[in-house]
């Protein structure tokens, strides 16, 4: 540890400013200089789409601090409109360019913290120079001006920024086409959960083009890879970000295959005097593996951690669960940990639970359906991930599960979480508790389930499929090949049930009860996880999504 060190930080948004202010709280006499390329520092970039949409009308609302306020309170030397151009590791100096005057300066440092963030991805297609991006306050200014007279917009990318921009352009009355190369929106969730997002976007007037890529951008149109041409006044590229690690590369610091700066558990690069944090950097995921998680929460945590390391404090080094949430047209889409798609690709065996509870007691006015998914290690009973979608209450449930994961609770321990209850807030058995009950039944061998994507193959192989809903429900919609035997009459039809049958209902509860009845008669059966609701969501992802509002 250097006494009263000279510390230079490249990047003055989430991670960089968290490091700077924490360092000042710990080291009153250190020299702390922040270099920020843009004309603003410590701004709320997560609010930029809402400023573009006019929901946050005042630009100044996004500007949390200024160089002057940071100097007054924290005695920081914050230099906006300055760009770090070269790291000299041998001499421990940094070359800095003043973007307003063109003048260069060399700063000496004892510790260097890299927090340069990430840059929007711009695919190499014809006319890409016509596309706008949204990453900084200046980008928002440009986009607002460019869209002032627009009537139609094409948004490329179905992640957080793409969906938020689609919502905000609709808020302004624009016609919106959303183009996504993957078969679903929102990569953190699984495809059957994404169905509810697709449906909701269409209900709110967004034309969603899945499995599609823009191949050319003209003056007033875009062309898709299937040959379709969409007329538009404006194109925004929001297909993702890449680590802005060029200055690290040039200095000989190690980066990984996606360009993220490689760091150890204390955020040190391969140069022990240089740290890296935020969106340009590797993050340790829930499994402890290196990952790229460009979220504000991990960036802020890393900034604090590095400040503690430099100050000589004892630190805790948590892995990131990647907990996130999106709000779009009043729908909450939340996730934590790893999804089923990623886990299966990694060769992980999983137990999956889908439920469709109400967000609070059904007898209290205003109850709304939640869609929950829990992913569990079937051997250890560890919680690997969770997803929640709904108009209300998804945020609460994901935060509870993320906290349980951080605390090392097993999936069956969710039964015993003592959660607050009143009819307008939850149920006596909260949906999180119910996930625990369902999981415990499976973990102890009390029930077995099949997943929505397994049904077709099993039925084709001759497995009997029994729908235990009412005849009216069955007539309204049913899974091909299913026969209808209502739960309340099941005991009267025992001789018609085959060993190994699959039973199902609307969301899973009656199906589970049916398996217990059949078990009493010595008949082994499995319940369709999440019922026909989850099955319908899964198969619906294969259909086109068009705006209907």
Protein backbone atom coordinates (compact mmCIF):
# COMPACT_ATOMS: atom_id res chain seq x y z
CA UNK A 1 0.00 0.00 0.00
CA UNK A 2 1.31 3.42 -1.02
CA UNK A 3 0.80 6.24 1.46
CA UNK A 4 -1.25 9.10 -0.05
CA UNK A 5 -1.13 7.50 -3.51
CA UNK A 6 -1.78 9.12 -6.87
CA UNK A 7 -4.84 7.35 -8.29
CA UNK A 8 -6.12 7.91 -11.81
CA UNK A 9 -9.49 6.50 -12.90
CA UNK A 10 -10.48 6.16 -16.56
CA UNK A 11 -14.28 6.44 -16.76
CA UNK A 12 -16.61 8.46 -14.58
CA UNK A 13 -19.97 6.70 -14.62
CA UNK A 14 -21.08 3.81 -12.36
CA UNK A 15 -17.94 1.85 -11.53
CA UNK A 16 -15.43 4.65 -11.85
CA UNK A 17 -17.32 7.11 -9.71
CA UNK A 18 -18.11 4.47 -7.07
CA UNK A 19 -14.38 3.79 -6.81
CA UNK A 20 -13.50 7.49 -6.67
CA UNK A 21 -15.94 8.44 -3.93
CA UNK A 22 -15.18 5.34 -1.84
CA UNK A 23 -11.46 6.03 -2.14
CA UNK A 24 -11.96 9.55 -0.85
CA UNK A 25 -13.95 8.28 2.11
CA UNK A 26 -11.10 5.93 2.94
CA UNK A 27 -8.08 8.04 1.95
CA UNK A 28 -8.54 11.73 2.61
CA UNK A 29 -5.09 12.73 1.36
CA UNK A 30 -4.83 10.61 -1.78
CA UNK A 31 -4.68 12.37 -5.15
CA UNK A 32 -7.71 11.14 -7.15
CA UNK A 33 -8.20 12.14 -10.79
CA UNK A 34 -11.09 10.96 -12.97
CA UNK A 35 -10.83 11.06 -16.77
CA UNK A 36 -14.18 10.99 -18.59
CA UNK A 37 -14.47 11.07 -22.39
CA UNK A 38 -18.01 12.44 -22.52
CA UNK A 39 -19.15 15.90 -21.46
CA UNK A 40 -21.01 14.49 -18.47
CA UNK A 41 -20.01 12.53 -15.40
CA UNK A 42 -21.93 10.40 -12.91
CA UNK A 43 -25.10 10.34 -14.99
CA UNK A 44 -28.01 7.90 -14.89
CA UNK A 45 -27.54 6.08 -18.20
CA UNK A 46 -30.30 3.59 -17.30
CA UNK A 47 -32.73 6.49 -17.56
CA UNK A 48 -31.73 7.52 -21.09
CA UNK A 49 -34.51 5.62 -22.94
CA UNK A 50 -37.11 7.30 -20.73
CA UNK A 51 -35.65 10.71 -21.48
CA UNK A 52 -35.87 9.91 -25.21
CA UNK A 53 -39.50 8.95 -24.69
CA UNK A 54 -40.35 12.07 -22.70
CA UNK A 55 -41.24 10.13 -19.55
CA UNK A 56 -38.26 11.82 -17.88
CA UNK A 57 -38.69 15.25 -19.50
CA UNK A 58 -35.85 17.14 -17.83
CA UNK A 59 -32.36 16.28 -19.08
CA UNK A 60 -30.83 17.58 -15.85
CA UNK A 61 -32.70 14.88 -13.91
CA UNK A 62 -30.21 12.36 -15.32
CA UNK A 63 -27.14 14.33 -14.26
CA UNK A 64 -26.46 13.17 -10.73
CA UNK A 65 -23.23 15.11 -10.16
CA UNK A 66 -20.99 17.62 -11.90
CA UNK A 67 -17.21 18.02 -11.77
CA UNK A 68 -17.77 21.03 -9.53
CA UNK A 69 -20.06 19.24 -7.06
CA UNK A 70 -17.70 16.27 -6.91
CA UNK A 71 -14.77 18.56 -6.22
CA UNK A 72 -16.61 20.40 -3.45
CA UNK A 73 -17.81 17.30 -1.64
CA UNK A 74 -15.08 14.75 -2.38
CA UNK A 75 -12.12 16.86 -3.49
CA UNK A 76 -11.95 14.92 -6.78
CA UNK A 77 -10.23 16.22 -9.90
CA UNK A 78 -12.82 15.25 -12.52
CA UNK A 79 -11.93 16.06 -16.11
CA UNK A 80 -14.79 15.71 -18.56
CA UNK A 81 -14.27 15.81 -22.34
CA UNK A 82 -10.88 14.24 -21.79
CA UNK A 83 -9.78 10.95 -23.31
CA UNK A 84 -7.09 8.61 -22.05
CA UNK A 85 -4.99 7.83 -25.11
CA UNK A 86 -2.08 5.72 -23.87
CA UNK A 87 -1.05 3.80 -20.75
CA UNK A 88 2.70 3.79 -20.05
CA UNK A 89 3.10 0.90 -17.64
CA UNK A 90 6.87 1.18 -17.21
CA UNK A 91 6.80 4.82 -16.17
CA UNK A 92 3.36 4.61 -14.56
CA UNK A 93 2.00 7.52 -16.56
CA UNK A 94 -1.12 8.11 -18.60
CA UNK A 95 -1.37 10.26 -21.73
CA UNK A 96 -4.58 12.28 -21.77
CA UNK A 97 -6.09 14.31 -24.62
CA UNK A 98 -8.33 17.32 -24.00
CA UNK A 99 -11.05 16.81 -26.61
CA UNK A 100 -12.07 20.48 -26.50
CA UNK A 101 -8.67 22.10 -26.95
CA UNK A 102 -6.65 19.30 -28.55
CA UNK A 103 -3.96 19.65 -25.90
CA UNK A 104 -2.22 16.60 -24.42
CA UNK A 105 -1.05 16.01 -20.87
CA UNK A 106 0.75 13.20 -19.05
CA UNK A 107 -0.44 12.16 -15.60
CA UNK A 108 1.59 10.09 -13.15
CA UNK A 109 -0.11 7.40 -11.11
CA UNK A 110 0.60 4.85 -8.42
CA UNK A 111 -2.65 3.00 -9.11
CA UNK A 112 -4.70 3.06 -12.28
CA UNK A 113 -8.36 2.00 -12.40
CA UNK A 114 -9.88 1.23 -15.79
CA UNK A 115 -13.62 1.78 -16.05
CA UNK A 116 -14.06 2.68 -19.74
CA UNK A 117 -17.40 0.91 -20.09
CA UNK A 118 -18.66 -0.64 -23.30
CA UNK A 119 -19.47 0.51 -26.82
CA UNK A 120 -22.64 -0.31 -28.78
CA UNK A 121 -22.24 -3.06 -31.35
CA UNK A 122 -22.68 -1.85 -34.93
CA UNK A 123 -22.95 -4.75 -37.38
CA UNK A 124 -21.07 -4.47 -40.69
CA UNK A 125 -24.09 -3.94 -42.94
CA UNK A 126 -24.85 -1.57 -45.76
CA UNK A 127 -25.98 1.83 -44.45
CA UNK A 128 -25.09 1.17 -40.80
CA UNK A 129 -23.80 4.75 -40.55
CA UNK A 130 -27.47 5.83 -40.70
CA UNK A 131 -28.28 4.00 -37.47
CA UNK A 132 -28.33 5.77 -34.11
CA UNK A 133 -27.18 4.32 -30.79
CA UNK A 134 -27.96 5.11 -27.15
CA UNK A 135 -25.20 4.91 -24.57
CA UNK A 136 -24.46 8.46 -23.38
CA UNK A 137 -26.32 11.68 -22.66
CA UNK A 138 -24.97 13.03 -25.94
CA UNK A 139 -26.45 10.01 -27.75
CA UNK A 140 -29.82 10.81 -26.17
CA UNK A 141 -29.58 14.43 -27.31
CA UNK A 142 -28.84 13.31 -30.85
CA UNK A 143 -31.61 10.71 -30.89
CA UNK A 144 -34.21 13.13 -29.56
CA UNK A 145 -33.33 15.64 -32.27
CA UNK A 146 -33.30 12.99 -35.02
CA UNK A 147 -36.68 11.56 -33.98
CA UNK A 148 -38.46 14.89 -33.54
CA UNK A 149 -40.45 14.57 -36.79
CA UNK A 150 -40.31 10.79 -37.18
CA UNK A 151 -43.46 8.71 -37.56
CA UNK A 152 -41.86 5.27 -37.92
CA UNK A 153 -38.84 3.71 -36.26
CA UNK A 154 -37.01 0.41 -36.55
CA UNK A 155 -35.20 -0.77 -33.43
CA UNK A 156 -32.53 -3.43 -33.96
CA UNK A 157 -32.12 -5.59 -30.87
CA UNK A 158 -34.47 -7.21 -28.37
CA UNK A 159 -32.55 -6.70 -25.15
CA UNK A 160 -33.04 -4.15 -22.36
CA UNK A 161 -32.29 -1.00 -24.36
CA UNK A 162 -34.14 -2.21 -27.46
CA UNK A 163 -37.34 -2.99 -25.56
CA UNK A 164 -37.17 0.18 -23.49
CA UNK A 165 -36.71 2.27 -26.63
CA UNK A 166 -39.59 0.45 -28.34
CA UNK A 167 -41.84 1.29 -25.40
CA UNK A 168 -40.74 4.90 -25.28
CA UNK A 169 -41.16 5.48 -29.00
CA UNK A 170 -44.66 4.02 -28.73
CA UNK A 171 -45.26 6.38 -25.81
CA UNK A 172 -44.50 9.20 -28.24
CA UNK A 173 -46.94 7.76 -30.79
CA UNK A 174 -44.43 6.36 -33.28
CA UNK A 175 -44.96 3.14 -35.24
CA UNK A 176 -42.31 0.66 -34.03
CA UNK A 177 -40.79 -2.42 -35.64
CA UNK A 178 -38.43 -4.41 -33.40
CA UNK A 179 -35.96 -6.72 -35.16
CA UNK A 180 -34.21 -9.49 -33.20
CA UNK A 181 -31.80 -12.07 -34.64
CA UNK A 182 -32.56 -14.66 -31.95
CA UNK A 183 -35.81 -16.65 -31.75
CA UNK A 184 -36.83 -14.70 -28.64
CA UNK A 185 -36.57 -11.33 -26.92
CA UNK A 186 -34.74 -10.86 -23.60
CA UNK A 187 -31.81 -13.30 -23.56
CA UNK A 188 -31.67 -13.63 -19.73
CA UNK A 189 -34.97 -15.55 -19.72
CA UNK A 190 -35.92 -18.80 -21.41
CA UNK A 191 -37.95 -19.00 -24.59
CA UNK A 192 -41.23 -20.19 -23.06
CA UNK A 193 -41.07 -17.30 -20.58
CA UNK A 194 -40.23 -14.88 -23.39
CA UNK A 195 -43.58 -15.77 -24.99
CA UNK A 196 -45.32 -13.50 -22.47
CA UNK A 197 -43.02 -10.62 -23.46
CA UNK A 198 -43.67 -11.21 -27.16
CA UNK A 199 -47.42 -11.25 -26.55
CA UNK A 200 -47.27 -8.10 -24.45
CA UNK A 201 -45.22 -6.19 -27.01
CA UNK A 202 -47.73 -7.06 -29.72
CA UNK A 203 -50.64 -6.03 -27.51
CA UNK A 204 -48.99 -2.63 -27.19
CA UNK A 205 -48.55 -2.11 -30.90
CA UNK A 206 -44.96 -3.22 -31.51
CA UNK A 207 -44.27 -5.34 -34.60
CA UNK A 208 -41.75 -7.95 -33.46
CA UNK A 209 -39.57 -9.68 -36.06
CA UNK A 210 -37.83 -12.70 -34.49
CA UNK A 211 -35.13 -14.81 -36.15
CA UNK A 212 -34.53 -11.79 -38.37
CA UNK A 213 -31.57 -9.59 -39.21
CA UNK A 214 -31.31 -6.21 -40.90
CA UNK A 215 -29.12 -6.62 -43.97
CA UNK A 216 -29.27 -3.06 -45.30
CA UNK A 217 -30.35 0.38 -44.08
CA UNK A 218 -31.59 2.76 -46.73
CA UNK A 219 -32.59 6.41 -46.44
CA UNK A 220 -36.18 5.54 -45.58
CA UNK A 221 -36.26 1.76 -45.18
CA UNK A 222 -34.51 -1.32 -43.85
CA UNK A 223 -34.21 -4.68 -45.58
CA UNK A 224 -34.40 -7.93 -43.60
CA UNK A 225 -32.61 -11.17 -44.40
CA UNK A 226 -35.89 -12.74 -45.54
CA UNK A 227 -36.27 -10.00 -48.18
CA UNK A 228 -38.93 -7.99 -46.35
CA UNK A 229 -38.59 -4.22 -46.59
CA UNK A 230 -39.80 -2.05 -43.70
CA UNK A 231 -40.43 1.64 -44.38
CA UNK A 232 -39.01 3.83 -41.62
CA UNK A 233 -37.87 7.33 -40.77
CA UNK A 234 -35.33 6.28 -38.16
CA UNK A 235 -33.17 3.26 -37.28
CA UNK A 236 -31.68 2.60 -33.84
CA UNK A 237 -29.09 -0.12 -33.26
CA UNK A 238 -29.46 -1.65 -29.79
CA UNK A 239 -28.15 -5.14 -30.48
CA UNK A 240 -25.74 -5.19 -27.59
CA UNK A 241 -22.43 -3.84 -26.34
CA UNK A 242 -18.79 -4.86 -26.45
CA UNK A 243 -16.15 -4.03 -23.85
CA UNK A 244 -14.37 -0.78 -24.66
CA UNK A 245 -10.98 -2.29 -23.91
CA UNK A 246 -8.80 -0.91 -26.71
CA UNK A 247 -6.60 1.12 -24.34
CA UNK A 248 -6.03 -2.00 -22.22
CA UNK A 249 -5.13 -4.05 -25.29
CA UNK A 250 -2.66 -1.41 -26.44
CA UNK A 251 -1.00 -1.49 -23.03
CA UNK A 252 -0.53 -5.24 -23.11
CA UNK A 253 -3.20 -6.02 -20.53
CA UNK A 254 -4.90 -9.37 -20.99
CA UNK A 255 -8.39 -9.55 -22.47
CA UNK A 256 -10.63 -12.54 -23.17
CA UNK A 257 -12.27 -13.75 -26.38
CA UNK A 258 -15.02 -11.10 -26.24
CA UNK A 259 -12.59 -8.31 -25.43
CA UNK A 260 -13.35 -8.03 -21.70
CA UNK A 261 -10.34 -7.14 -19.55
CA UNK A 262 -9.23 -10.19 -17.56
CA UNK A 263 -9.02 -9.65 -13.81
CA UNK A 264 -8.46 -11.71 -10.69
CA UNK A 265 -10.85 -11.92 -7.74
CA UNK A 266 -9.70 -8.49 -6.54
CA UNK A 267 -10.24 -6.89 -9.98
CA UNK A 268 -6.48 -6.70 -10.66
CA UNK A 269 -5.30 -7.02 -14.24
CA UNK A 270 -2.07 -8.82 -15.11
CA UNK A 271 -0.37 -5.60 -13.98
CA UNK A 272 -0.81 -5.54 -10.17
CA UNK A 273 -0.94 -1.72 -10.10
CA UNK A 274 -3.80 -1.59 -12.64
CA UNK A 275 -7.38 -2.55 -11.79
CA UNK A 276 -10.37 -2.89 -14.11
CA UNK A 277 -14.06 -2.64 -13.25
CA UNK A 278 -17.45 -2.28 -14.89
CA UNK A 279 -18.72 -3.11 -18.36
CA UNK A 280 -15.24 -3.48 -19.90
CA UNK A 281 -14.31 -6.23 -17.49
CA UNK A 282 -14.83 -9.89 -16.76
CA UNK A 283 -17.22 -10.65 -13.92
CA UNK A 284 -17.49 -13.84 -11.88
CA UNK A 285 -20.94 -15.37 -12.32
CA UNK A 286 -22.92 -17.40 -9.80
CA UNK A 287 -20.82 -20.47 -10.61
CA UNK A 288 -17.56 -18.58 -10.12
CA UNK A 289 -16.73 -18.67 -13.83
CA UNK A 290 -15.61 -15.62 -15.77
CA UNK A 291 -18.53 -13.92 -17.54
CA UNK A 292 -19.50 -10.65 -19.21
CA UNK A 293 -22.30 -9.05 -17.17
CA UNK A 294 -22.65 -5.37 -18.17
CA UNK A 295 -24.96 -4.26 -15.35
CA UNK A 296 -24.79 -1.25 -13.03
CA UNK A 297 -25.01 -3.29 -9.82
CA UNK A 298 -21.84 -5.35 -10.37
CA UNK A 299 -20.01 -2.25 -11.65
CA UNK A 300 -20.79 -0.28 -8.50
CA UNK A 301 -19.82 -3.21 -6.30
CA UNK A 302 -16.52 -3.64 -8.13
CA UNK A 303 -15.72 0.05 -7.73
CA UNK A 304 -16.16 -0.18 -3.98
CA UNK A 305 -14.15 -3.40 -3.81
CA UNK A 306 -11.16 -1.91 -5.66
CA UNK A 307 -11.18 1.14 -3.39
CA UNK A 308 -11.04 -1.16 -0.37
CA UNK A 309 -8.19 -3.17 -1.88
CA UNK A 310 -6.13 -0.04 -2.58
CA UNK A 311 -6.83 1.26 0.93
CA UNK A 312 -5.70 -2.03 2.45
CA UNK A 313 -9.08 -3.09 3.82
CA UNK A 314 -10.19 -6.69 4.16
CA UNK A 315 -12.68 -7.41 1.39
CA UNK A 316 -15.41 -9.89 0.56
CA UNK A 317 -15.45 -10.99 -3.06
CA UNK A 318 -18.97 -11.99 -4.11
CA UNK A 319 -19.83 -13.56 -7.45
CA UNK A 320 -22.52 -11.87 -9.50
CA UNK A 321 -25.90 -13.52 -9.95
CA UNK A 322 -26.70 -11.13 -12.79
CA UNK A 323 -30.00 -10.21 -11.17
CA UNK A 324 -31.92 -7.93 -13.52
CA UNK A 325 -35.35 -6.54 -14.26
CA UNK A 326 -37.02 -4.83 -17.19
CA UNK A 327 -40.22 -2.83 -17.09
CA UNK A 328 -41.97 -2.59 -20.45
CA UNK A 329 -45.54 -1.39 -21.01
CA UNK A 330 -46.30 -2.14 -17.36
CA UNK A 331 -44.91 -5.70 -17.46
CA UNK A 332 -42.10 -6.69 -15.10
CA UNK A 333 -39.55 -9.14 -16.51
CA UNK A 334 -37.02 -10.26 -13.90
CA UNK A 335 -34.31 -12.90 -13.65
CA UNK A 336 -31.46 -14.04 -11.44
CA UNK A 337 -28.74 -16.65 -11.85
CA UNK A 338 -28.42 -18.76 -14.99
CA UNK A 339 -31.28 -19.74 -17.27
CA UNK A 340 -32.16 -23.26 -18.41
CA UNK A 341 -30.79 -22.70 -21.91
CA UNK A 342 -27.34 -21.75 -20.62
CA UNK A 343 -27.26 -24.48 -17.98
CA UNK A 344 -28.15 -27.24 -20.41
CA UNK A 345 -25.55 -25.94 -22.87
CA UNK A 346 -23.01 -26.23 -20.04
CA UNK A 347 -24.02 -29.85 -19.46
CA UNK A 348 -25.72 -29.13 -16.14
CA UNK A 349 -28.56 -31.44 -15.11
CA UNK A 350 -31.53 -29.36 -13.97
CA UNK A 351 -34.89 -29.63 -12.28
CA UNK A 352 -37.31 -27.03 -13.63
CA UNK A 353 -40.47 -25.73 -11.95
CA UNK A 354 -43.04 -23.44 -13.58
CA UNK A 355 -45.91 -21.90 -11.62
CA UNK A 356 -48.59 -19.35 -12.48
CA UNK A 357 -49.81 -17.94 -9.15
CA UNK A 358 -51.57 -14.68 -8.40
CA UNK A 359 -49.38 -11.88 -7.05
CA UNK A 360 -51.60 -11.56 -3.97
CA UNK A 361 -54.67 -13.18 -2.45
CA UNK A 362 -57.25 -13.83 -5.15
CA UNK A 363 -60.16 -12.61 -3.07
CA UNK A 364 -58.61 -9.15 -2.75
CA UNK A 365 -59.36 -6.88 -5.75
CA UNK A 366 -56.71 -6.42 -8.39
CA UNK A 367 -54.88 -9.75 -8.19
CA UNK A 368 -52.75 -10.41 -11.29
CA UNK A 369 -51.07 -13.53 -12.62
CA UNK A 370 -47.36 -14.09 -12.09
CA UNK A 371 -45.28 -16.43 -14.25
CA UNK A 372 -42.48 -17.99 -12.19
CA UNK A 373 -39.69 -20.37 -13.16
CA UNK A 374 -37.24 -21.94 -10.72
CA UNK A 375 -34.18 -23.88 -11.88
CA UNK A 376 -32.57 -26.27 -9.40
CA UNK A 377 -29.68 -28.72 -9.26
CA UNK A 378 -31.55 -32.01 -8.75
CA UNK A 379 -28.66 -33.59 -6.86
CA UNK A 380 -27.60 -30.82 -4.46
CA UNK A 381 -30.95 -28.95 -4.35
CA UNK A 382 -29.04 -25.71 -5.01
CA UNK A 383 -30.97 -22.88 -6.66
CA UNK A 384 -29.33 -22.18 -10.03
CA UNK A 385 -31.63 -19.47 -11.34
CA UNK A 386 -35.12 -18.03 -11.43
CA UNK A 387 -37.33 -15.95 -13.68
CA UNK A 388 -40.49 -13.97 -12.96
CA UNK A 389 -42.90 -12.12 -15.24
CA UNK A 390 -46.02 -10.21 -14.25
CA UNK A 391 -47.71 -6.86 -13.93
CA UNK A 392 -46.95 -6.70 -10.21
CA UNK A 393 -44.84 -8.64 -7.75
CA UNK A 394 -42.18 -10.08 -10.06
CA UNK A 395 -39.53 -7.79 -8.61
CA UNK A 396 -40.26 -8.86 -5.04
CA UNK A 397 -40.11 -12.58 -5.80
CA UNK A 398 -36.88 -12.42 -7.80
CA UNK A 399 -35.21 -10.32 -5.12
CA UNK A 400 -36.27 -12.85 -2.45
CA UNK A 401 -34.87 -15.74 -4.49
CA UNK A 402 -31.65 -13.85 -5.30
CA UNK A 403 -31.20 -13.20 -1.58
CA UNK A 404 -31.81 -16.87 -0.83
CA UNK A 405 -29.18 -17.81 -3.42
CA UNK A 406 -26.66 -15.38 -1.95
CA UNK A 407 -27.35 -16.81 1.50
CA UNK A 408 -26.73 -20.36 0.29
CA UNK A 409 -30.27 -21.62 0.94
CA UNK A 410 -31.43 -24.76 -0.81
CA UNK A 411 -34.50 -24.75 -3.02
CA UNK A 412 -36.48 -26.69 -0.43
CA UNK A 413 -35.59 -24.04 2.17
CA UNK A 414 -37.87 -21.63 0.31
CA UNK A 415 -40.71 -23.34 2.18
CA UNK A 416 -39.55 -21.84 5.44
CA UNK A 417 -38.95 -18.24 4.38
CA UNK A 418 -41.00 -16.06 6.71
CA UNK A 419 -42.39 -13.50 4.26
CA UNK A 420 -44.76 -10.65 5.00
CA UNK A 421 -48.42 -11.28 4.30
CA UNK A 422 -51.58 -9.26 3.96
CA UNK A 423 -54.21 -9.93 1.26
CA UNK A 424 -53.22 -6.92 -0.86
CA UNK A 425 -49.51 -7.87 -0.85
CA UNK A 426 -49.29 -11.66 -1.04
CA UNK A 427 -50.75 -14.95 0.04
CA UNK A 428 -50.51 -16.91 3.26
CA UNK A 429 -48.33 -19.27 1.22
CA UNK A 430 -46.33 -16.83 -0.86
CA UNK A 431 -45.53 -17.87 -4.45
CA UNK A 432 -41.90 -18.24 -3.36
CA UNK A 433 -42.95 -20.59 -0.56
CA UNK A 434 -44.99 -22.57 -3.08
CA UNK A 435 -41.93 -22.99 -5.30
CA UNK A 436 -40.26 -24.52 -2.26
CA UNK A 437 -43.16 -26.91 -1.64
CA UNK A 438 -43.24 -28.06 -5.27
CA UNK A 439 -39.49 -28.50 -5.32
CA UNK A 440 -39.45 -30.46 -2.04
CA UNK A 441 -42.07 -32.86 -3.41
CA UNK A 442 -39.84 -33.59 -6.38
CA UNK A 443 -36.59 -33.63 -4.43
CA UNK A 444 -37.92 -36.28 -2.05
CA UNK A 445 -39.42 -38.35 -4.86
CA UNK A 446 -43.02 -37.47 -4.03
CA UNK A 447 -43.72 -36.37 -7.61
CA UNK A 448 -42.16 -36.38 -11.04
CA UNK A 449 -42.73 -33.96 -13.91
CA UNK A 450 -42.13 -33.61 -17.62
CA UNK A 451 -41.37 -30.34 -19.41
CA UNK A 452 -43.38 -28.67 -22.15
CA UNK A 453 -40.75 -29.42 -24.80
CA UNK A 454 -40.75 -33.16 -23.96
CA UNK A 455 -44.45 -33.80 -24.52
CA UNK A 456 -44.53 -34.27 -28.29
CA UNK A 457 -41.81 -36.89 -28.30
CA UNK A 458 -43.32 -38.81 -25.41
CA UNK A 459 -46.82 -38.83 -26.92
CA UNK A 460 -45.39 -39.89 -30.30
CA UNK A 461 -43.72 -42.80 -28.51
CA UNK A 462 -47.09 -43.94 -27.18
CA UNK A 463 -47.21 -42.34 -23.71
CA UNK A 464 -50.79 -41.70 -22.60
CA UNK A 465 -51.64 -38.00 -22.08
CA UNK A 466 -54.53 -37.25 -19.75
CA UNK A 467 -56.10 -33.82 -19.32
CA UNK A 468 -57.70 -33.62 -15.86
CA UNK A 469 -59.41 -30.27 -16.39
CA UNK A 470 -63.15 -29.90 -16.80
CA UNK A 471 -64.81 -30.86 -20.11
CA UNK A 472 -65.47 -27.17 -20.80
CA UNK A 473 -61.80 -26.31 -20.37
CA UNK A 474 -60.78 -29.23 -22.54
CA UNK A 475 -63.18 -28.16 -25.31
CA UNK A 476 -61.74 -24.63 -25.28
CA UNK A 477 -58.17 -25.80 -25.91
CA UNK A 478 -56.23 -29.01 -25.54
CA UNK A 479 -52.93 -30.64 -26.36
CA UNK A 480 -53.11 -32.89 -29.44
CA UNK A 481 -53.40 -36.52 -28.41
CA UNK A 482 -54.78 -35.81 -24.95
CA UNK A 483 -57.86 -37.54 -23.52
CA UNK A 484 -60.08 -35.80 -20.99
CA UNK A 485 -60.73 -37.40 -17.60
CA UNK A 486 -61.68 -34.73 -15.07
CA UNK A 487 -59.82 -34.87 -11.76
CA UNK A 488 -62.97 -35.27 -9.69
CA UNK A 489 -63.96 -38.38 -11.71
CA UNK A 490 -60.47 -39.87 -11.97
CA UNK A 491 -61.11 -42.65 -9.44
CA UNK A 492 -64.04 -43.84 -11.57
CA UNK A 493 -61.70 -44.36 -14.56
CA UNK A 494 -58.70 -46.02 -12.93
CA UNK A 495 -58.90 -49.01 -15.26
CA UNK A 496 -58.43 -46.66 -18.24
CA UNK A 497 -55.13 -45.21 -16.99
CA UNK A 498 -51.88 -46.69 -18.27
CA UNK A 499 -48.64 -47.00 -16.35
CA UNK A 500 -46.33 -44.06 -17.07
CA UNK A 501 -49.12 -41.72 -18.15
CA UNK A 502 -48.63 -37.95 -18.27
CA UNK A 503 -51.36 -35.94 -16.58
CA UNK A 504 -51.90 -32.23 -16.84
CA UNK A 505 -54.23 -29.38 -15.96
CA UNK A 506 -54.12 -25.63 -16.50
CA UNK A 507 -51.12 -24.68 -14.34
CA UNK A 508 -50.02 -27.82 -12.51
CA UNK A 509 -51.93 -28.11 -9.21
CA UNK A 510 -54.73 -30.44 -10.34
CA UNK A 511 -52.17 -32.43 -12.30
CA UNK A 512 -50.14 -32.97 -9.14
CA UNK A 513 -53.25 -34.05 -7.24
CA UNK A 514 -54.03 -36.51 -10.05
CA UNK A 515 -50.57 -38.09 -9.74
CA UNK A 516 -51.16 -38.63 -6.02
CA UNK A 517 -54.53 -40.29 -6.68
CA UNK A 518 -52.95 -42.57 -9.27
CA UNK A 519 -50.06 -43.39 -6.94
CA UNK A 520 -52.61 -44.65 -4.44
CA UNK A 521 -53.71 -47.22 -7.02
CA UNK A 522 -50.16 -48.24 -7.89
CA UNK A 523 -50.03 -46.31 -11.15
CA UNK A 524 -46.86 -44.34 -11.86
CA UNK A 525 -47.45 -41.05 -13.64
CA UNK A 526 -45.84 -37.68 -14.30
CA UNK A 527 -47.31 -34.21 -14.15
CA UNK A 528 -46.81 -31.71 -16.97
CA UNK A 529 -44.82 -28.93 -15.26
CA UNK A 530 -46.71 -25.64 -15.40
CA UNK A 531 -49.68 -27.30 -17.09
CA UNK A 532 -51.11 -26.37 -20.46
CA UNK A 533 -50.30 -22.72 -19.72
CA UNK A 534 -46.55 -23.36 -19.94
CA UNK A 535 -46.97 -25.78 -22.86
CA UNK A 536 -48.95 -23.17 -24.81
CA UNK A 537 -46.34 -20.51 -24.09
CA UNK A 538 -43.57 -22.79 -25.28
CA UNK A 539 -45.11 -23.83 -28.58
CA UNK A 540 -46.30 -20.26 -29.25
CA UNK A 541 -42.71 -19.07 -29.54
CA UNK A 542 -42.58 -20.79 -32.93
CA UNK A 543 -45.26 -18.49 -34.35
CA UNK A 544 -44.86 -14.97 -35.82
CA UNK A 545 -45.57 -11.97 -33.59
CA UNK A 546 -47.45 -9.04 -35.11
CA UNK A 547 -48.76 -5.88 -33.50
CA UNK A 548 -52.47 -6.04 -32.76
CA UNK A 549 -52.98 -2.64 -31.21
